[in-house]
Amino acid sequence: MLNIIELLIMFISILLAVAFLTVAERKTLGYMQRRVGPNAVGYYGILMAIADAAKLLLKEIIIPTHADKLILFISPMISLISALLCWAVIPFAPGVTIYDSNYGFILTLAISSVGVFGTLLAGWSANSKYSLLGSIRSTAQLISYELVLTTIILLCILLAGTMNLSKYIYLQEAIWYGIPLLPLAIMFYIGCVAECARPPFDNVEAESELVSGHMTEYSSSIFVLFFLSEYASILFLSTLTAILFIGGGTGIILGLKANIFAFTYIWVRATLPRVRYDKLINLCWMIFLPILFGVAIAIPAWIYSIDSLII
């Protein structure tokens, strides 16, 4: 019973954080584009997220006639549940973890990879060529950059010698891993932006070509689920980046570090134009992965040479 209560508290906290992240994004984009942004609902527009949620939940759900209705409803649930369950292994403070596992990194990779099925099934179940093309494009992008993220995480595990996220934080008390592993940290951040399909890598939607991608036929409350899963993934990957490369932290410190990374997602969105899809895929397969595989070969040899010198 306690575990269920802990999960509910965590999920509600994450969903509230997601709601206010959307307000922060709209205000930041407004300032960067020399306009006001939301400012009418609540003090300084802070309650705009609640108004948006109420508007979307009260709208009519429109379902395409030829769609597979069951899968159409299940797909966004798969994406949202996957995005929320990843938080179970995040150490918010010493001993404050929903599921403190010695295989935390592996569980994170396994759970997050399930979210791809929600995107793929959403495009297929809508029975629309725009949705299907958007989901295929999205799946190719997500799988490509999951390889980048997975390889970097495995390299970090290899250097740290542990898959437990709590222990990983303690190992960075002397120096943050982001300092010696700065190139990997930069590649990891770029991979996270692409994994969330955020600008300049929002080719999943590409509104001028594919309307809204796999979400084209979604409306009202079932669209909200995709929306929440996207922003929950942004917060999760920001937190994971903070743990991997800048020492994580406890409570407020971890939150501040994660918020800094989350802010950079908004900053990048307001600054950079969309990258062409073929260049995005080439960046992964022709540049990032060859470099990472080279590092993956070099690191074990380096560790072996250090061990042999010690012996």
Protein backbone atom coordinates (compact mmCIF):
# COMPACT_ATOMS: atom_id res chain seq x y z
CA MET A 1 0.00 0.00 0.00
CA LEU A 2 2.85 2.38 0.85
CA ASN A 3 4.47 1.74 -2.53
CA ILE A 4 1.22 2.64 -4.31
CA ILE A 5 0.92 5.87 -2.29
CA GLU A 6 4.54 6.75 -3.07
CA LEU A 7 3.92 6.16 -6.78
CA LEU A 8 0.79 8.32 -6.72
CA ILE A 9 2.62 11.16 -4.96
CA MET A 10 5.47 10.92 -7.47
CA PHE A 11 3.13 10.85 -10.50
CA ILE A 12 1.07 13.81 -9.25
CA SER A 13 4.25 15.80 -8.53
CA ILE A 14 5.62 15.08 -12.00
CA LEU A 15 2.35 16.02 -13.70
CA LEU A 16 2.23 19.31 -11.76
CA ALA A 17 5.84 20.01 -12.72
CA VAL A 18 4.96 19.27 -16.35
CA ALA A 19 2.00 21.67 -16.18
CA PHE A 20 4.12 24.56 -14.94
CA LEU A 21 6.94 23.71 -17.37
CA THR A 22 4.52 24.45 -20.22
CA VAL A 23 3.75 27.86 -18.68
CA ALA A 24 7.47 28.56 -18.23
CA GLU A 25 8.06 27.60 -21.86
CA ARG A 26 5.34 29.90 -23.17
CA LYS A 27 6.53 32.82 -21.03
CA THR A 28 10.17 32.28 -22.06
CA LEU A 29 9.29 32.02 -25.75
CA GLY A 30 7.22 35.17 -25.38
CA TYR A 31 10.16 37.13 -23.97
CA MET A 32 12.53 35.77 -26.60
CA GLN A 33 10.12 36.75 -29.38
CA ARG A 34 9.33 40.19 -27.87
CA ARG A 35 5.75 39.49 -26.86
CA VAL A 36 3.95 39.09 -23.56
CA GLY A 37 3.02 35.41 -23.46
CA PRO A 38 0.29 34.13 -21.09
CA ASN A 39 -0.49 36.79 -18.47
CA ALA A 40 -4.28 36.86 -17.95
CA VAL A 41 -5.07 33.64 -16.04
CA GLY A 42 -3.86 33.91 -12.46
CA TYR A 43 -1.01 36.06 -11.20
CA TYR A 44 1.52 36.57 -14.00
CA GLY A 45 -0.24 33.87 -16.05
CA ILE A 46 0.82 31.11 -13.65
CA LEU A 47 -2.55 29.33 -13.80
CA MET A 48 -2.57 29.12 -17.59
CA ALA A 49 -1.66 25.42 -17.42
CA ILE A 50 -4.83 24.66 -15.43
CA ALA A 51 -6.94 26.62 -17.93
CA ASP A 52 -5.34 24.75 -20.85
CA ALA A 53 -5.93 21.39 -19.16
CA ALA A 54 -9.58 22.23 -18.46
CA LYS A 55 -10.09 23.39 -22.06
CA LEU A 56 -8.60 20.21 -23.54
CA LEU A 57 -10.39 17.84 -21.16
CA LEU A 58 -13.78 19.46 -21.82
CA LYS A 59 -13.48 19.39 -25.61
CA GLU A 60 -15.20 16.71 -27.65
CA ILE A 61 -13.18 13.60 -28.52
CA ILE A 62 -13.32 13.20 -32.30
CA ILE A 63 -12.41 9.72 -33.55
CA PRO A 64 -11.80 9.01 -37.25
CA THR A 65 -14.38 6.64 -38.75
CA HIS A 66 -11.87 4.11 -40.09
CA ALA A 67 -9.49 4.19 -37.11
CA ASP A 68 -8.77 1.24 -34.86
CA LYS A 69 -10.43 2.78 -31.81
CA LEU A 70 -8.98 0.49 -29.13
CA ILE A 71 -5.36 0.99 -30.19
CA LEU A 72 -6.03 4.70 -30.79
CA PHE A 73 -6.87 5.06 -27.08
CA ILE A 74 -4.18 2.70 -25.78
CA SER A 75 -1.25 4.28 -27.69
CA PRO A 76 -1.02 7.57 -25.73
CA MET A 77 -1.39 5.60 -22.48
CA ILE A 78 1.66 3.51 -23.41
CA SER A 79 3.71 6.66 -24.03
CA LEU A 80 2.62 8.38 -20.81
CA ILE A 81 3.02 5.33 -18.54
CA SER A 82 6.47 4.69 -20.01
CA ALA A 83 7.50 8.32 -19.41
CA LEU A 84 6.25 8.24 -15.80
CA LEU A 85 7.63 4.84 -14.78
CA CYS A 86 11.17 5.91 -15.69
CA TRP A 87 11.11 8.18 -12.62
CA ALA A 88 10.86 5.19 -10.27
CA VAL A 89 14.65 4.66 -10.24
CA ILE A 90 15.66 8.34 -9.93
CA PRO A 91 17.36 9.08 -6.56
CA PHE A 92 15.84 12.38 -5.36
CA ALA A 93 17.95 12.28 -2.16
CA PRO A 94 19.93 9.64 -0.20
CA GLY A 95 17.50 6.80 0.37
CA VAL A 96 14.64 8.65 -1.36
CA THR A 97 13.99 6.44 -4.37
CA ILE A 98 10.82 4.60 -5.32
CA TYR A 99 12.81 1.58 -6.51
CA ASP A 100 16.51 1.63 -5.60
CA SER A 101 17.85 -1.09 -7.89
CA ASN A 102 21.39 -2.19 -8.67
CA TYR A 103 20.23 -2.29 -12.29
CA GLY A 104 18.68 1.19 -12.35
CA PHE A 105 20.30 2.24 -15.63
CA ILE A 106 19.15 -0.91 -17.42
CA LEU A 107 15.60 -0.52 -16.09
CA THR A 108 15.55 3.08 -17.27
CA LEU A 109 16.63 2.09 -20.78
CA ALA A 110 14.14 -0.80 -20.92
CA ILE A 111 11.14 1.25 -19.74
CA SER A 112 11.89 4.29 -21.90
CA SER A 113 12.23 2.16 -25.03
CA VAL A 114 8.63 0.95 -24.64
CA GLY A 115 7.38 4.48 -25.35
CA VAL A 116 8.33 4.07 -29.01
CA PHE A 117 5.50 1.56 -29.41
CA GLY A 118 2.96 4.18 -28.35
CA THR A 119 4.16 6.50 -31.11
CA LEU A 120 4.24 3.77 -33.76
CA LEU A 121 0.81 2.35 -32.88
CA ALA A 122 -0.73 5.84 -32.75
CA GLY A 123 0.19 6.52 -36.38
CA TRP A 124 -0.88 3.07 -37.54
CA SER A 125 -4.22 2.99 -35.68
CA ALA A 126 -5.38 6.36 -37.07
CA ASN A 127 -5.57 4.89 -40.59
CA SER A 128 -4.27 8.15 -42.07
CA LYS A 129 -1.30 8.48 -44.40
CA TYR A 130 -0.07 11.61 -42.61
CA SER A 131 -0.22 9.94 -39.20
CA LEU A 132 1.44 6.78 -40.52
CA LEU A 133 4.29 8.69 -42.20
CA GLY A 134 4.74 10.76 -39.05
CA SER A 135 4.91 7.67 -36.83
CA ILE A 136 7.42 5.95 -39.15
CA ARG A 137 9.59 9.06 -39.18
CA SER A 138 9.26 9.35 -35.41
CA THR A 139 10.15 5.69 -34.83
CA ALA A 140 13.25 5.91 -37.02
CA GLN A 141 14.39 9.05 -35.17
CA LEU A 142 13.72 7.67 -31.70
CA ILE A 143 15.41 4.33 -32.35
CA SER A 144 18.44 6.06 -33.90
CA TYR A 145 19.02 8.38 -30.97
CA GLU A 146 18.20 5.72 -28.38
CA LEU A 147 21.32 3.98 -29.67
CA VAL A 148 23.33 7.13 -28.95
CA LEU A 149 21.90 7.54 -25.45
CA THR A 150 22.26 3.83 -24.64
CA THR A 151 25.89 3.72 -25.81
CA ILE A 152 26.83 6.78 -23.73
CA ILE A 153 25.08 5.37 -20.64
CA LEU A 154 26.92 2.04 -21.09
CA LEU A 155 30.23 3.91 -21.34
CA CYS A 156 29.41 5.75 -18.11
CA ILE A 157 28.55 2.44 -16.45
CA LEU A 158 31.85 0.99 -17.68
CA LEU A 159 33.82 3.87 -16.15
CA ALA A 160 31.87 3.98 -12.88
CA GLY A 161 31.59 0.21 -12.42
CA THR A 162 27.98 0.41 -11.20
CA MET A 163 24.47 0.49 -12.63
CA ASN A 164 22.94 1.93 -9.45
CA LEU A 165 22.10 5.62 -9.89
CA SER A 166 22.45 6.36 -6.15
CA LYS A 167 25.99 4.97 -6.05
CA TYR A 168 26.77 6.78 -9.30
CA ILE A 169 26.10 10.13 -7.58
CA TYR A 170 28.53 9.34 -4.74
CA LEU A 171 31.28 8.54 -7.24
CA GLN A 172 31.12 12.15 -8.51
CA GLU A 173 31.85 13.79 -5.17
CA ALA A 174 35.47 14.46 -6.21
CA ILE A 175 34.80 15.52 -9.80
CA TRP A 176 31.78 15.66 -12.08
CA TYR A 177 31.99 13.17 -14.93
CA GLY A 178 30.89 15.92 -17.31
CA ILE A 179 34.34 17.52 -17.05
CA PRO A 180 36.51 14.64 -18.37
CA LEU A 181 33.62 13.35 -20.51
CA LEU A 182 32.56 16.72 -21.96
CA PRO A 183 32.26 15.47 -25.60
CA LEU A 184 30.05 12.59 -24.43
CA ALA A 185 27.96 15.02 -22.34
CA ILE A 186 27.38 17.24 -25.39
CA MET A 187 26.40 14.24 -27.54
CA PHE A 188 24.11 12.99 -24.78
CA TYR A 189 22.35 16.34 -24.57
CA ILE A 190 21.85 16.52 -28.35
CA GLY A 191 20.55 12.94 -28.27
CA CYS A 192 18.08 13.88 -25.52
CA VAL A 193 16.72 16.79 -27.57
CA ALA A 194 16.27 14.47 -30.57
CA GLU A 195 14.75 11.75 -28.38
CA CYS A 196 12.10 14.18 -27.15
CA ALA A 197 11.51 15.34 -30.76
CA ARG A 198 12.06 18.92 -29.70
CA PRO A 199 13.14 21.76 -32.02
CA PRO A 200 15.41 21.87 -33.93
CA PHE A 201 14.79 18.10 -34.23
CA ASP A 202 10.98 18.20 -34.33
CA ASN A 203 10.83 16.41 -37.67
CA VAL A 204 8.32 14.03 -36.10
CA GLU A 205 5.65 16.69 -36.51
CA ALA A 206 7.11 18.85 -39.30
CA GLU A 207 3.86 20.79 -39.53
CA SER A 208 4.47 22.04 -43.08
CA GLU A 209 4.74 18.45 -44.33
CA LEU A 210 2.99 16.04 -41.94
CA VAL A 211 0.56 18.29 -40.01
CA SER A 212 1.18 17.01 -36.44
CA GLY A 213 2.73 13.65 -37.26
CA HIS A 214 1.40 10.68 -35.32
CA MET A 215 -0.83 13.03 -33.24
CA THR A 216 -2.73 14.43 -36.24
CA GLU A 217 -5.97 12.54 -35.53
CA TYR A 218 -5.89 13.07 -31.76
CA SER A 219 -7.97 15.60 -29.87
CA SER A 220 -9.18 16.49 -26.40
CA SER A 221 -8.13 14.30 -23.46
CA ILE A 222 -6.30 11.62 -25.48
CA PHE A 223 -4.14 14.32 -27.06
CA VAL A 224 -3.31 15.57 -23.54
CA LEU A 225 -1.72 12.18 -22.76
CA PHE A 226 0.81 12.59 -25.60
CA PHE A 227 1.42 16.17 -24.55
CA LEU A 228 2.11 15.12 -20.95
CA SER A 229 4.39 12.27 -22.00
CA GLU A 230 6.53 14.63 -24.09
CA TYR A 231 7.10 17.10 -21.27
CA ALA A 232 7.53 14.35 -18.66
CA SER A 233 10.29 12.93 -20.90
CA ILE A 234 11.95 16.38 -21.07
CA LEU A 235 12.02 16.63 -17.28
CA PHE A 236 13.22 13.03 -16.89
CA LEU A 237 16.04 13.35 -19.42
CA SER A 238 17.06 16.70 -17.87
CA THR A 239 17.26 14.99 -14.47
CA LEU A 240 19.15 12.01 -15.90
CA THR A 241 21.64 14.35 -17.62
CA ALA A 242 22.21 16.13 -14.29
CA ILE A 243 22.86 12.80 -12.55
CA LEU A 244 25.12 11.44 -15.28
CA PHE A 245 27.37 14.41 -15.86
CA ILE A 246 27.08 17.09 -13.17
CA GLY A 247 26.88 15.04 -10.00
CA GLY A 248 23.14 14.91 -9.45
CA GLY A 249 22.43 16.08 -5.95
CA THR A 250 19.76 15.92 -3.31
CA GLY A 251 16.37 17.55 -3.31
CA ILE A 252 16.54 21.19 -4.33
CA ILE A 253 20.05 20.94 -5.80
CA LEU A 254 19.01 18.16 -8.17
CA GLY A 255 15.86 20.11 -9.05
CA LEU A 256 17.85 23.25 -9.87
CA LYS A 257 20.26 21.33 -12.11
CA ALA A 258 17.39 19.58 -13.90
CA ASN A 259 15.57 22.90 -14.38
CA ILE A 260 18.66 24.45 -15.94
CA PHE A 261 18.76 21.67 -18.53
CA ALA A 262 14.99 21.90 -19.08
CA PHE A 263 15.38 25.65 -19.70
CA THR A 264 17.98 24.95 -22.39
CA TYR A 265 15.37 22.89 -24.30
CA ILE A 266 13.22 26.03 -24.45
CA TRP A 267 16.20 28.22 -25.31
CA VAL A 268 17.21 25.96 -28.19
CA ARG A 269 13.61 25.90 -29.45
CA ALA A 270 13.51 29.70 -29.62
CA THR A 271 16.94 30.00 -31.24
CA LEU A 272 17.55 27.34 -33.88
CA PRO A 273 15.67 26.47 -37.10
CA ARG A 274 14.54 22.93 -37.86
CA VAL A 275 17.24 20.56 -39.12
CA ARG A 276 16.47 18.64 -42.32
CA TYR A 277 15.49 15.03 -41.58
CA ASP A 278 18.25 13.34 -43.59
CA LYS A 279 20.87 15.52 -41.86
CA LEU A 280 19.42 14.57 -38.49
CA ILE A 281 19.70 10.85 -39.22
CA ASN A 282 23.18 11.26 -40.74
CA LEU A 283 24.31 13.09 -37.59
CA CYS A 284 23.42 9.98 -35.60
CA TRP A 285 24.65 7.19 -37.87
CA MET A 286 27.59 8.86 -39.62
CA ILE A 287 29.05 11.03 -36.84
CA PHE A 288 27.89 10.19 -33.31
CA LEU A 289 27.83 6.38 -33.43
CA PRO A 290 31.27 5.92 -35.09
CA ILE A 291 32.80 8.24 -32.45
CA LEU A 292 31.03 6.41 -29.62
CA PHE A 293 32.04 2.97 -30.90
CA GLY A 294 35.64 4.18 -31.12
CA VAL A 295 35.45 5.39 -27.51
CA ALA A 296 33.82 2.10 -26.50
CA ILE A 297 36.83 0.23 -27.89
CA ALA A 298 39.37 2.64 -26.35
CA ILE A 299 37.97 2.80 -22.79
CA PRO A 300 38.29 -0.95 -21.94
CA ALA A 301 41.86 -0.91 -23.29
CA TRP A 302 42.61 2.16 -21.15
CA ILE A 303 41.07 0.58 -18.03
CA TYR A 304 43.02 -2.65 -18.64
CA SER A 305 46.29 -0.74 -18.97
CA ILE A 306 45.61 1.15 -15.70
CA ASP A 307 44.83 -2.12 -13.90
CA SER A 308 47.96 -3.80 -15.22
CA LEU A 309 50.10 -0.86 -14.00
CA ILE A 310 48.50 -1.06 -10.53
CA ILE A 311 49.13 -4.82 -10.39
